[in-house]
Every structure is written in C-alpha cells, then in structure tokens.
Amino acid sequence: MKVVGVTSCIAGLAHTPMAAKALEKAGVKLGHDVKIEQQGAMGTIDEITPAEVSAADVVIIAADKVIDGEDRFKGKPVVRVKIGQCVANGEAVLSKVVAAIEARKKKEAN
C-alpha cells in the first residue's frame, strides 16, 4: 500500500523526525511504500509531491497541531493520530491504518 503522511509536533524538534522515522521504518518492515513529510523547527523536510499524493492510498497526519498544506490531501482518506503514538509504536499505527483502508476498499467493492 502507498502511504504518505505528515508529522509535526508543537516544538518541531524531536518528535517530528522520530515519528517520521518510526512510520518509514514500519513501512519497510511491513512491506508498504511510506513517505513522511516533516514540518518542524527546521522547516519542511521530505516534502510530499503532488504525484505522491495522487498515488497514495491513504494519508496519515501525526500531529499535535495544525499542519501546513492539508488541503492538498482533499479526496484522499486521511487518518489523524497523536504524534506520540507513532513515536512509541509506528508499526502498530501503520498496521491499523492499512487494515482500516483495506477493509474500506473491500466494503466499497461489494
């Protein structure tokens, strides 16, 4: 599954990159294509392109604040989680998101 997302914490220093790395690492382990944009004190890192948004099956927003550019995800399934959940267990977060999207697709197909 193709997943894009944004991480952003209040301070934008530690949890933002930690959550991004946890989700990307989980993607590798679980066999999903995951790209996470970081919006923090250092600005935007690994910005998601319009082509990546278009190809994505789901968007994860792991943030404890409002993110910039959320309107670019209009029309895509968006799952919001607390950034701390991703830091603590990115694999569980990604697994639950993927399962929910797969169930939704299956339901829509019937």
N, C-alpha and C. Protein backbone atom coordinates (compact mmCIF):
# COMPACT_ATOMS: atom_id res chain seq x y z
N MET A 1 0.84 -1.17 0.00
CA MET A 1 0.00 0.00 0.00
C MET A 1 0.89 1.24 0.00
N LYS A 2 0.45 2.26 -0.70
CA LYS A 2 1.19 3.53 -0.74
C LYS A 2 0.62 4.47 0.31
N VAL A 3 1.50 4.93 1.19
CA VAL A 3 1.11 5.78 2.29
C VAL A 3 1.96 7.04 2.27
N VAL A 4 1.33 8.19 2.40
CA VAL A 4 2.06 9.44 2.61
C VAL A 4 1.55 10.01 3.92
N GLY A 5 2.34 10.90 4.48
CA GLY A 5 1.91 11.49 5.74
C GLY A 5 2.73 12.69 6.12
N VAL A 6 2.28 13.32 7.19
CA VAL A 6 2.95 14.50 7.73
C VAL A 6 3.08 14.32 9.23
N THR A 7 4.28 14.60 9.74
CA THR A 7 4.47 14.64 11.19
C THR A 7 4.79 16.07 11.58
N SER A 8 4.25 16.47 12.73
CA SER A 8 4.50 17.83 13.23
C SER A 8 4.12 17.89 14.70
N CYS A 9 5.11 18.25 15.53
CA CYS A 9 4.83 18.41 16.96
C CYS A 9 4.88 19.89 17.32
N ILE A 10 4.49 20.20 18.52
CA ILE A 10 4.43 21.60 18.95
C ILE A 10 5.79 22.29 18.82
N ALA A 11 6.85 21.68 19.34
CA ALA A 11 8.18 22.29 19.26
C ALA A 11 8.83 22.05 17.90
N GLY A 12 8.51 20.94 17.27
CA GLY A 12 9.06 20.65 15.95
C GLY A 12 10.51 20.25 15.95
N LEU A 13 11.00 19.75 17.08
CA LEU A 13 12.42 19.40 17.16
C LEU A 13 12.67 17.90 17.25
N ALA A 14 12.09 17.23 18.20
CA ALA A 14 12.41 15.83 18.42
C ALA A 14 11.34 14.87 17.90
N HIS A 15 10.10 15.06 18.34
CA HIS A 15 9.06 14.11 17.98
C HIS A 15 8.73 14.11 16.48
N THR A 16 8.88 15.23 15.84
CA THR A 16 8.59 15.29 14.40
C THR A 16 9.44 14.30 13.61
N PRO A 17 10.78 14.35 13.71
CA PRO A 17 11.57 13.37 12.96
C PRO A 17 11.48 11.95 13.53
N MET A 18 11.29 11.83 14.84
CA MET A 18 11.19 10.49 15.44
C MET A 18 9.96 9.76 14.92
N ALA A 19 8.84 10.45 14.84
CA ALA A 19 7.60 9.84 14.33
C ALA A 19 7.74 9.50 12.85
N ALA A 20 8.35 10.39 12.08
CA ALA A 20 8.55 10.13 10.65
C ALA A 20 9.39 8.88 10.44
N LYS A 21 10.49 8.79 11.17
CA LYS A 21 11.38 7.62 11.03
C LYS A 21 10.67 6.33 11.47
N ALA A 22 9.88 6.41 12.55
CA ALA A 22 9.17 5.23 13.03
C ALA A 22 8.18 4.72 11.98
N LEU A 23 7.45 5.63 11.34
CA LEU A 23 6.49 5.22 10.31
C LEU A 23 7.19 4.69 9.07
N GLU A 24 8.28 5.34 8.65
CA GLU A 24 9.01 4.87 7.48
C GLU A 24 9.65 3.51 7.73
N LYS A 25 10.21 3.33 8.90
CA LYS A 25 10.81 2.05 9.28
C LYS A 25 9.74 0.95 9.31
N ALA A 26 8.57 1.27 9.85
CA ALA A 26 7.46 0.32 9.88
C ALA A 26 7.04 -0.05 8.46
N GLY A 27 7.04 0.93 7.56
CA GLY A 27 6.68 0.66 6.17
C GLY A 27 7.61 -0.35 5.53
N VAL A 28 8.90 -0.19 5.77
CA VAL A 28 9.90 -1.13 5.23
C VAL A 28 9.63 -2.53 5.80
N LYS A 29 9.44 -2.61 7.10
CA LYS A 29 9.24 -3.90 7.76
C LYS A 29 7.96 -4.60 7.30
N LEU A 30 6.90 -3.81 7.11
CA LEU A 30 5.60 -4.38 6.75
C LEU A 30 5.35 -4.46 5.24
N GLY A 31 6.29 -3.94 4.45
CA GLY A 31 6.17 -4.05 3.00
C GLY A 31 5.29 -3.01 2.34
N HIS A 32 5.22 -1.82 2.94
CA HIS A 32 4.43 -0.73 2.37
C HIS A 32 5.35 0.40 1.93
N ASP A 33 4.91 1.14 0.93
CA ASP A 33 5.64 2.30 0.43
C ASP A 33 5.20 3.51 1.25
N VAL A 34 6.07 3.99 2.13
CA VAL A 34 5.71 5.06 3.05
C VAL A 34 6.66 6.25 2.87
N LYS A 35 6.08 7.43 2.69
CA LYS A 35 6.87 8.66 2.66
C LYS A 35 6.23 9.65 3.61
N ILE A 36 7.03 10.17 4.52
CA ILE A 36 6.53 11.08 5.54
C ILE A 36 7.24 12.43 5.42
N GLU A 37 6.44 13.46 5.34
CA GLU A 37 6.94 14.84 5.33
C GLU A 37 7.01 15.34 6.77
N GLN A 38 8.08 16.02 7.10
CA GLN A 38 8.24 16.58 8.43
C GLN A 38 8.06 18.09 8.37
N GLN A 39 7.20 18.61 9.23
CA GLN A 39 7.01 20.05 9.36
C GLN A 39 7.41 20.43 10.77
N GLY A 40 8.59 21.05 10.88
CA GLY A 40 9.09 21.37 12.22
C GLY A 40 9.89 22.64 12.26
N ALA A 41 10.70 22.75 13.28
CA ALA A 41 11.51 23.94 13.51
C ALA A 41 12.51 24.18 12.37
N MET A 42 12.89 23.14 11.67
CA MET A 42 13.83 23.25 10.56
C MET A 42 13.13 23.51 9.23
N GLY A 43 11.84 23.75 9.27
CA GLY A 43 11.07 23.95 8.05
C GLY A 43 10.47 22.63 7.59
N THR A 44 10.20 22.52 6.31
CA THR A 44 9.63 21.30 5.75
C THR A 44 10.74 20.42 5.20
N ILE A 45 10.74 19.16 5.61
CA ILE A 45 11.74 18.19 5.17
C ILE A 45 11.01 17.05 4.48
N ASP A 46 11.54 16.59 3.36
CA ASP A 46 10.96 15.49 2.58
C ASP A 46 9.54 15.81 2.11
N GLU A 47 9.37 17.00 1.54
CA GLU A 47 8.05 17.44 1.10
C GLU A 47 7.41 16.45 0.14
N ILE A 48 6.14 16.19 0.35
CA ILE A 48 5.38 15.26 -0.49
C ILE A 48 4.98 15.98 -1.76
N THR A 49 5.22 15.35 -2.91
CA THR A 49 4.89 15.95 -4.20
C THR A 49 3.43 15.68 -4.56
N PRO A 50 2.87 16.48 -5.47
CA PRO A 50 1.51 16.20 -5.93
C PRO A 50 1.36 14.79 -6.52
N ALA A 51 2.39 14.30 -7.21
CA ALA A 51 2.34 12.95 -7.79
C ALA A 51 2.27 11.89 -6.68
N GLU A 52 3.00 12.12 -5.60
CA GLU A 52 2.97 11.17 -4.48
C GLU A 52 1.61 11.18 -3.79
N VAL A 53 1.01 12.34 -3.66
CA VAL A 53 -0.33 12.44 -3.09
C VAL A 53 -1.31 11.68 -3.98
N SER A 54 -1.23 11.90 -5.27
CA SER A 54 -2.13 11.27 -6.22
C SER A 54 -2.04 9.74 -6.16
N ALA A 55 -0.82 9.22 -6.00
CA ALA A 55 -0.62 7.77 -5.99
C ALA A 55 -0.94 7.13 -4.65
N ALA A 56 -1.09 7.91 -3.60
CA ALA A 56 -1.28 7.38 -2.25
C ALA A 56 -2.65 6.76 -2.05
N ASP A 57 -2.66 5.68 -1.27
CA ASP A 57 -3.91 5.04 -0.87
C ASP A 57 -4.49 5.71 0.37
N VAL A 58 -3.62 6.26 1.20
CA VAL A 58 -4.05 6.86 2.46
C VAL A 58 -3.02 7.90 2.91
N VAL A 59 -3.50 8.85 3.71
CA VAL A 59 -2.66 9.90 4.28
C VAL A 59 -2.72 9.78 5.80
N ILE A 60 -1.56 9.75 6.43
CA ILE A 60 -1.50 9.76 7.89
C ILE A 60 -1.02 11.14 8.33
N ILE A 61 -1.78 11.76 9.21
CA ILE A 61 -1.35 13.03 9.80
C ILE A 61 -1.09 12.76 11.27
N ALA A 62 0.19 12.75 11.62
CA ALA A 62 0.61 12.54 13.01
C ALA A 62 1.08 13.88 13.52
N ALA A 63 0.17 14.60 14.15
CA ALA A 63 0.48 15.97 14.55
C ALA A 63 -0.31 16.37 15.79
N ASP A 64 0.32 17.19 16.57
CA ASP A 64 -0.34 17.76 17.74
C ASP A 64 -0.67 19.22 17.51
N LYS A 65 -0.69 19.62 16.23
CA LYS A 65 -1.02 20.98 15.85
C LYS A 65 -1.53 20.96 14.41
N VAL A 66 -1.99 22.08 13.93
CA VAL A 66 -2.46 22.19 12.56
C VAL A 66 -1.25 22.15 11.63
N ILE A 67 -1.35 21.36 10.56
CA ILE A 67 -0.25 21.28 9.60
C ILE A 67 -0.48 22.25 8.44
N ASP A 68 0.59 22.56 7.74
CA ASP A 68 0.51 23.41 6.55
C ASP A 68 0.15 22.55 5.35
N GLY A 69 -0.70 23.05 4.47
CA GLY A 69 -1.00 22.41 3.20
C GLY A 69 -1.89 21.19 3.27
N GLU A 70 -2.71 21.11 4.29
CA GLU A 70 -3.57 19.94 4.42
C GLU A 70 -4.56 19.82 3.26
N ASP A 71 -4.92 20.93 2.65
CA ASP A 71 -5.89 20.92 1.55
C ASP A 71 -5.42 20.09 0.36
N ARG A 72 -4.13 19.84 0.22
CA ARG A 72 -3.62 19.04 -0.91
C ARG A 72 -4.04 17.58 -0.81
N PHE A 73 -4.55 17.15 0.36
CA PHE A 73 -4.97 15.77 0.55
C PHE A 73 -6.47 15.57 0.35
N LYS A 74 -7.14 16.61 -0.12
CA LYS A 74 -8.59 16.53 -0.34
C LYS A 74 -8.91 15.37 -1.29
N GLY A 75 -9.90 14.58 -0.90
CA GLY A 75 -10.31 13.44 -1.71
C GLY A 75 -9.61 12.14 -1.34
N LYS A 76 -8.61 12.20 -0.48
CA LYS A 76 -7.89 11.01 -0.03
C LYS A 76 -8.36 10.65 1.38
N PRO A 77 -8.35 9.36 1.71
CA PRO A 77 -8.65 9.01 3.10
C PRO A 77 -7.53 9.55 4.00
N VAL A 78 -7.91 10.27 5.04
CA VAL A 78 -6.94 10.86 5.96
C VAL A 78 -7.18 10.29 7.35
N VAL A 79 -6.11 9.78 7.95
CA VAL A 79 -6.18 9.24 9.31
C VAL A 79 -5.32 10.14 10.19
N ARG A 80 -5.92 10.64 11.26
CA ARG A 80 -5.20 11.51 12.20
C ARG A 80 -4.85 10.72 13.46
N VAL A 81 -3.61 10.86 13.87
CA VAL A 81 -3.15 10.20 15.10
C VAL A 81 -2.30 11.17 15.89
N LYS A 82 -2.20 10.92 17.18
CA LYS A 82 -1.30 11.71 18.02
C LYS A 82 0.13 11.35 17.66
N ILE A 83 0.99 12.33 17.60
CA ILE A 83 2.36 12.07 17.20
C ILE A 83 3.06 11.10 18.14
N GLY A 84 2.71 11.15 19.42
CA GLY A 84 3.33 10.24 20.39
C GLY A 84 3.04 8.78 20.11
N GLN A 85 1.88 8.49 19.53
CA GLN A 85 1.55 7.10 19.16
C GLN A 85 2.53 6.57 18.13
N CYS A 86 2.91 7.41 17.19
CA CYS A 86 3.84 6.98 16.14
C CYS A 86 5.24 6.80 16.70
N VAL A 87 5.64 7.70 17.59
CA VAL A 87 6.96 7.60 18.20
C VAL A 87 7.05 6.30 19.00
N ALA A 88 6.02 6.02 19.78
CA ALA A 88 6.02 4.85 20.65
C ALA A 88 5.89 3.54 19.89
N ASN A 89 5.07 3.53 18.83
CA ASN A 89 4.83 2.28 18.12
C ASN A 89 4.34 2.53 16.70
N GLY A 90 5.24 2.97 15.86
CA GLY A 90 4.90 3.26 14.46
C GLY A 90 4.36 2.06 13.72
N GLU A 91 4.86 0.88 14.05
CA GLU A 91 4.41 -0.33 13.37
C GLU A 91 2.94 -0.61 13.65
N ALA A 92 2.52 -0.46 14.90
CA ALA A 92 1.11 -0.69 15.25
C ALA A 92 0.21 0.34 14.59
N VAL A 93 0.64 1.60 14.56
CA VAL A 93 -0.15 2.64 13.92
C VAL A 93 -0.32 2.32 12.44
N LEU A 94 0.77 2.02 11.76
CA LEU A 94 0.70 1.73 10.33
C LEU A 94 -0.15 0.49 10.06
N SER A 95 0.00 -0.53 10.86
CA SER A 95 -0.81 -1.76 10.68
C SER A 95 -2.30 -1.47 10.80
N LYS A 96 -2.68 -0.68 11.80
CA LYS A 96 -4.10 -0.35 11.99
C LYS A 96 -4.63 0.49 10.84
N VAL A 97 -3.85 1.45 10.38
CA VAL A 97 -4.28 2.31 9.27
C VAL A 97 -4.47 1.47 8.01
N VAL A 98 -3.50 0.62 7.69
CA VAL A 98 -3.58 -0.21 6.49
C VAL A 98 -4.78 -1.15 6.58
N ALA A 99 -5.00 -1.76 7.74
CA ALA A 99 -6.15 -2.67 7.91
C ALA A 99 -7.46 -1.94 7.69
N ALA A 100 -7.56 -0.72 8.22
CA ALA A 100 -8.79 0.06 8.06
C ALA A 100 -9.04 0.41 6.59
N ILE A 101 -8.00 0.80 5.87
CA ILE A 101 -8.16 1.15 4.46
C ILE A 101 -8.50 -0.08 3.62
N GLU A 102 -7.85 -1.20 3.92
CA GLU A 102 -8.16 -2.43 3.18
C GLU A 102 -9.61 -2.85 3.43
N ALA A 103 -10.09 -2.73 4.67
CA ALA A 103 -11.48 -3.07 4.97
C ALA A 103 -12.44 -2.14 4.24
N ARG A 104 -12.08 -0.86 4.18
CA ARG A 104 -12.92 0.12 3.48
C ARG A 104 -13.00 -0.20 1.98
N LYS A 105 -11.85 -0.52 1.40
CA LYS A 105 -11.83 -0.86 -0.04
C LYS A 105 -12.67 -2.12 -0.31
N LYS A 106 -12.55 -3.10 0.56
CA LYS A 106 -13.31 -4.34 0.40
C LYS A 106 -14.81 -4.06 0.48
N LYS A 107 -15.19 -3.23 1.44
CA LYS A 107 -16.60 -2.88 1.61
C LYS A 107 -17.13 -2.14 0.39
N GLU A 108 -16.33 -1.20 -0.15
CA GLU A 108 -16.75 -0.43 -1.32
C GLU A 108 -16.86 -1.31 -2.56
N ALA A 109 -16.05 -2.37 -2.63
CA ALA A 109 -16.08 -3.28 -3.78
C ALA A 109 -17.34 -4.15 -3.80
N ASN A 110 -17.93 -4.36 -2.65
CA ASN A 110 -19.13 -5.21 -2.56
C ASN A 110 -20.40 -4.46 -2.76
